[in-house]
Amino acid sequence: MFRKPWMSAILALVIALVAAQAASAKYAYSYAVKFVCGYNPTNLGIDEAGNSTGEPPVKFGNYATEVNIYNFNIYENTGAPITATIEKRFIVLVKDGFPVGREPKVVDPSGYDYIELKTSQSTMDDCNRIGQILWGKAPTPFPLTIGYLVILSTIELDVTAVYTSQACSNWVNSPEKLQCLDESGRQQGVSSSIHVNQVQGRKLY
């Protein structure tokens, strides 16, 4: 299904208006959310010359992060607005499995996003959204990508991150499929984990 030209134009205008408002906003809170996305096919790290050595940023496995943002503000306080103007900054420290931000190197944000949340509204960012911001799409398999999603907001928010990981012995033989079944359909050794973290914000002034 294709968008009509006028619908695309309106959508672009809305995004531009939100971005312009965010650019002039005075942010009061900052949330630095760690994200780990994608597939790491090895237990060896990579040195500055691209050689396999040492430890990888994370061990062999497939990783996903989902970040939830909720505007819990119901009542106006001291005249403050209950609509949150939000800017998101995506800072990549590990790209395609390579630690581009390993000390003494430092990195700047690689992408930005903007949104407004009215009272009781919520939104989410996951690895697919991060892929869209960084590359215009979410690649498959998703390359190992680690960094920070920094959320700047004009008012305080609830921010929760959900981290999942999975490893499967069959991935060694079929790294492109990322499924835990061998050719006969038998399930291989699988390990999975999930962790939920409430992210504390920092007041900026």
Protein backbone atom coordinates (compact mmCIF):
# COMPACT_ATOMS: atom_id res chain seq x y z
CA MET A 1 0.00 0.00 0.00
CA PHE A 2 1.50 3.36 -1.08
CA ARG A 3 0.99 6.71 0.62
CA LYS A 4 -0.61 9.43 -1.47
CA PRO A 5 1.80 12.32 -2.19
CA TRP A 6 -0.21 14.75 -0.06
CA MET A 7 -0.17 12.34 2.89
CA SER A 8 3.61 12.05 2.69
CA ALA A 9 3.91 15.82 2.51
CA ILE A 10 1.74 16.26 5.61
CA LEU A 11 3.75 13.63 7.49
CA ALA A 12 7.01 15.35 6.56
CA LEU A 13 5.57 18.69 7.71
CA VAL A 14 4.48 17.25 11.07
CA ILE A 15 7.94 15.77 11.64
CA ALA A 16 9.58 19.07 10.69
CA LEU A 17 7.33 21.01 13.09
CA VAL A 18 8.06 18.65 15.99
CA ALA A 19 11.79 18.82 15.25
CA ALA A 20 11.65 22.62 15.15
CA GLN A 21 9.82 22.73 18.47
CA ALA A 22 12.30 20.29 20.00
CA ALA A 23 15.21 22.39 18.77
CA SER A 24 13.88 25.38 20.73
CA ALA A 25 12.81 23.35 23.79
CA LYS A 26 14.51 23.66 27.15
CA TYR A 27 15.17 20.11 28.25
CA ALA A 28 14.88 19.39 31.96
CA TYR A 29 15.63 15.64 32.07
CA SER A 30 18.09 13.28 30.42
CA TYR A 31 17.90 9.47 30.26
CA ALA A 32 20.91 7.52 28.97
CA VAL A 33 19.60 4.08 27.95
CA LYS A 34 22.09 1.39 26.98
CA PHE A 35 21.14 -0.68 23.93
CA VAL A 36 22.59 -3.95 22.64
CA CYS A 37 21.27 -5.12 19.27
CA GLY A 38 22.15 -7.77 16.74
CA TYR A 39 24.06 -10.96 16.19
CA ASN A 40 27.61 -11.64 17.32
CA PRO A 41 28.87 -14.83 15.58
CA THR A 42 32.15 -15.14 17.48
CA ASN A 43 33.71 -15.29 20.93
CA LEU A 44 36.83 -13.47 19.75
CA GLY A 45 37.31 -9.72 19.83
CA ILE A 46 38.68 -7.47 17.11
CA ASP A 47 41.75 -5.26 17.53
CA GLU A 48 42.42 -1.90 15.86
CA ALA A 49 43.90 -3.65 12.80
CA GLY A 50 40.81 -5.82 12.34
CA ASN A 51 42.46 -9.00 13.63
CA SER A 52 40.62 -11.49 15.85
CA THR A 53 42.03 -11.28 19.35
CA GLY A 54 41.01 -10.90 22.98
CA GLU A 55 37.38 -10.64 24.07
CA PRO A 56 34.38 -9.34 22.07
CA PRO A 57 32.15 -6.55 23.46
CA VAL A 58 29.56 -9.26 24.22
CA LYS A 59 29.78 -13.03 23.91
CA PHE A 60 28.44 -15.13 21.02
CA GLY A 61 24.67 -14.70 20.72
CA ASN A 62 21.77 -12.67 19.36
CA TYR A 63 20.70 -9.57 21.29
CA ALA A 64 17.69 -7.25 21.35
CA THR A 65 16.73 -4.13 23.30
CA GLU A 66 13.31 -2.52 23.63
CA VAL A 67 12.93 0.90 25.29
CA ASN A 68 9.55 2.09 26.61
CA ILE A 69 8.80 5.79 27.20
CA TYR A 70 5.69 6.83 29.16
CA ASN A 71 4.42 10.30 30.05
CA PHE A 72 2.95 9.73 33.51
CA ASN A 73 2.19 13.41 34.16
CA ILE A 74 -1.57 13.89 34.64
CA TYR A 75 -1.88 17.17 36.51
CA GLU A 76 -0.15 20.44 35.74
CA ASN A 77 2.36 21.42 38.40
CA THR A 78 3.40 25.05 38.91
CA GLY A 79 2.15 25.85 35.43
CA ALA A 80 4.42 23.31 33.71
CA PRO A 81 2.99 21.71 30.55
CA ILE A 82 2.02 18.04 30.67
CA THR A 83 3.02 17.42 27.05
CA ALA A 84 6.59 16.14 26.79
CA THR A 85 8.76 17.44 23.97
CA ILE A 86 11.39 14.76 23.40
CA GLU A 87 14.63 14.57 21.48
CA LYS A 88 16.41 11.23 21.03
CA ARG A 89 20.12 10.93 20.30
CA PHE A 90 21.60 7.64 19.10
CA ILE A 91 25.26 7.16 20.06
CA VAL A 92 26.95 4.05 18.57
CA LEU A 93 29.98 2.61 20.41
CA VAL A 94 30.11 -0.78 18.64
CA LYS A 95 29.30 -0.88 14.92
CA ASP A 96 29.20 -4.12 12.89
CA GLY A 97 30.88 -5.82 15.86
CA PHE A 98 33.80 -3.37 15.84
CA PRO A 99 34.31 -1.09 18.89
CA VAL A 100 34.39 2.32 17.18
CA GLY A 101 34.18 4.03 20.57
CA ARG A 102 36.88 2.11 22.42
CA GLU A 103 39.02 4.39 24.55
CA PRO A 104 40.88 6.59 23.71
CA LYS A 105 38.40 7.08 20.83
CA VAL A 106 35.16 8.99 21.43
CA VAL A 107 32.05 9.22 19.27
CA ASP A 108 29.29 11.74 18.60
CA PRO A 109 25.60 10.93 18.06
CA SER A 110 24.95 9.11 14.77
CA GLY A 111 21.25 9.91 14.50
CA TYR A 112 18.42 11.95 15.98
CA ASP A 113 14.68 11.54 16.41
CA TYR A 114 11.90 13.73 17.82
CA ILE A 115 8.45 13.12 19.24
CA GLU A 116 5.83 14.67 21.52
CA LEU A 117 3.97 12.67 24.17
CA LYS A 118 0.76 13.97 25.70
CA THR A 119 -0.32 12.89 29.16
CA SER A 120 -0.74 9.12 29.53
CA GLN A 121 0.74 8.47 26.08
CA SER A 122 3.55 6.01 25.51
CA THR A 123 5.92 5.02 22.74
CA MET A 124 8.78 2.57 22.23
CA ASP A 125 12.06 2.18 20.42
CA ASP A 126 13.57 -1.20 19.56
CA CYS A 127 16.44 -2.49 17.46
CA ASN A 128 14.39 -2.15 14.28
CA ARG A 129 13.71 1.52 15.01
CA ILE A 130 17.39 2.07 15.83
CA GLY A 131 18.26 0.46 12.48
CA GLN A 132 15.83 2.77 10.68
CA ILE A 133 17.40 5.85 12.29
CA LEU A 134 20.99 4.75 11.67
CA TRP A 135 20.71 3.14 8.20
CA GLY A 136 17.20 3.80 6.90
CA LYS A 137 16.15 0.17 7.49
CA ALA A 138 16.65 -2.74 9.87
CA PRO A 139 19.10 -5.22 8.24
CA THR A 140 18.80 -9.01 8.57
CA PRO A 141 20.74 -10.46 10.22
CA PHE A 142 21.19 -7.37 12.37
CA PRO A 143 24.92 -6.63 12.89
CA LEU A 144 26.15 -6.32 16.47
CA THR A 145 25.41 -2.72 17.43
CA ILE A 146 25.92 -1.31 20.93
CA GLY A 147 25.50 2.21 22.23
CA TYR A 148 23.30 4.71 24.03
CA LEU A 149 19.83 6.00 23.29
CA VAL A 150 19.86 9.37 25.05
CA ILE A 151 16.36 10.72 25.71
CA LEU A 152 16.03 14.44 26.43
CA SER A 153 12.66 15.65 27.71
CA THR A 154 11.07 18.86 28.88
CA ILE A 155 9.36 16.97 31.73
CA GLU A 156 10.04 13.85 33.79
CA LEU A 157 9.15 10.49 32.20
CA ASP A 158 9.01 6.78 32.96
CA VAL A 159 11.67 5.01 30.88
CA THR A 160 12.05 1.21 30.97
CA ALA A 161 14.48 -0.93 28.99
CA VAL A 162 13.95 -4.63 28.22
CA TYR A 163 17.01 -6.67 27.24
CA THR A 164 16.84 -10.16 25.74
CA SER A 165 19.56 -12.44 24.47
CA GLN A 166 19.69 -15.91 22.95
CA ALA A 167 22.42 -18.32 21.92
CA CYS A 168 22.03 -21.48 19.84
CA SER A 169 24.66 -24.07 18.96
CA ASN A 170 23.24 -24.45 15.41
CA TRP A 171 24.06 -20.82 14.57
CA VAL A 172 27.69 -21.83 14.20
CA ASN A 173 26.67 -23.89 11.15
CA SER A 174 23.95 -21.57 9.81
CA PRO A 175 24.82 -18.01 10.83
CA GLU A 176 22.47 -16.43 8.28
CA LYS A 177 19.30 -18.21 9.41
CA LEU A 178 19.49 -17.59 13.16
CA GLN A 179 17.17 -20.49 13.91
CA CYS A 180 17.80 -23.20 16.48
CA LEU A 181 16.90 -26.23 14.34
CA ASP A 182 19.28 -28.48 12.45
CA GLU A 183 18.52 -29.91 8.97
CA SER A 184 16.46 -32.74 10.47
CA GLY A 185 14.27 -30.30 12.39
CA ARG A 186 15.71 -31.18 15.79
CA GLN A 187 16.21 -28.34 18.23
CA GLN A 188 19.79 -27.57 19.17
CA GLY A 189 21.11 -26.34 22.49
CA VAL A 190 19.43 -23.02 23.32
CA SER A 191 19.94 -20.48 26.08
CA SER A 192 17.81 -17.36 26.56
CA SER A 193 17.71 -14.51 29.07
CA ILE A 194 15.61 -11.40 29.71
CA HIS A 195 16.23 -8.40 31.94
CA VAL A 196 14.01 -5.38 32.66
CA ASN A 197 15.61 -2.15 33.87
CA GLN A 198 13.91 1.03 35.08
CA VAL A 199 16.11 3.87 33.82
CA GLN A 200 16.70 6.76 36.21
CA GLY A 201 16.75 10.21 34.67
CA ARG A 202 19.06 13.08 35.53
CA LYS A 203 17.68 16.55 36.15
CA LEU A 204 19.55 19.03 33.98
CA TYR A 205 18.81 22.22 35.94
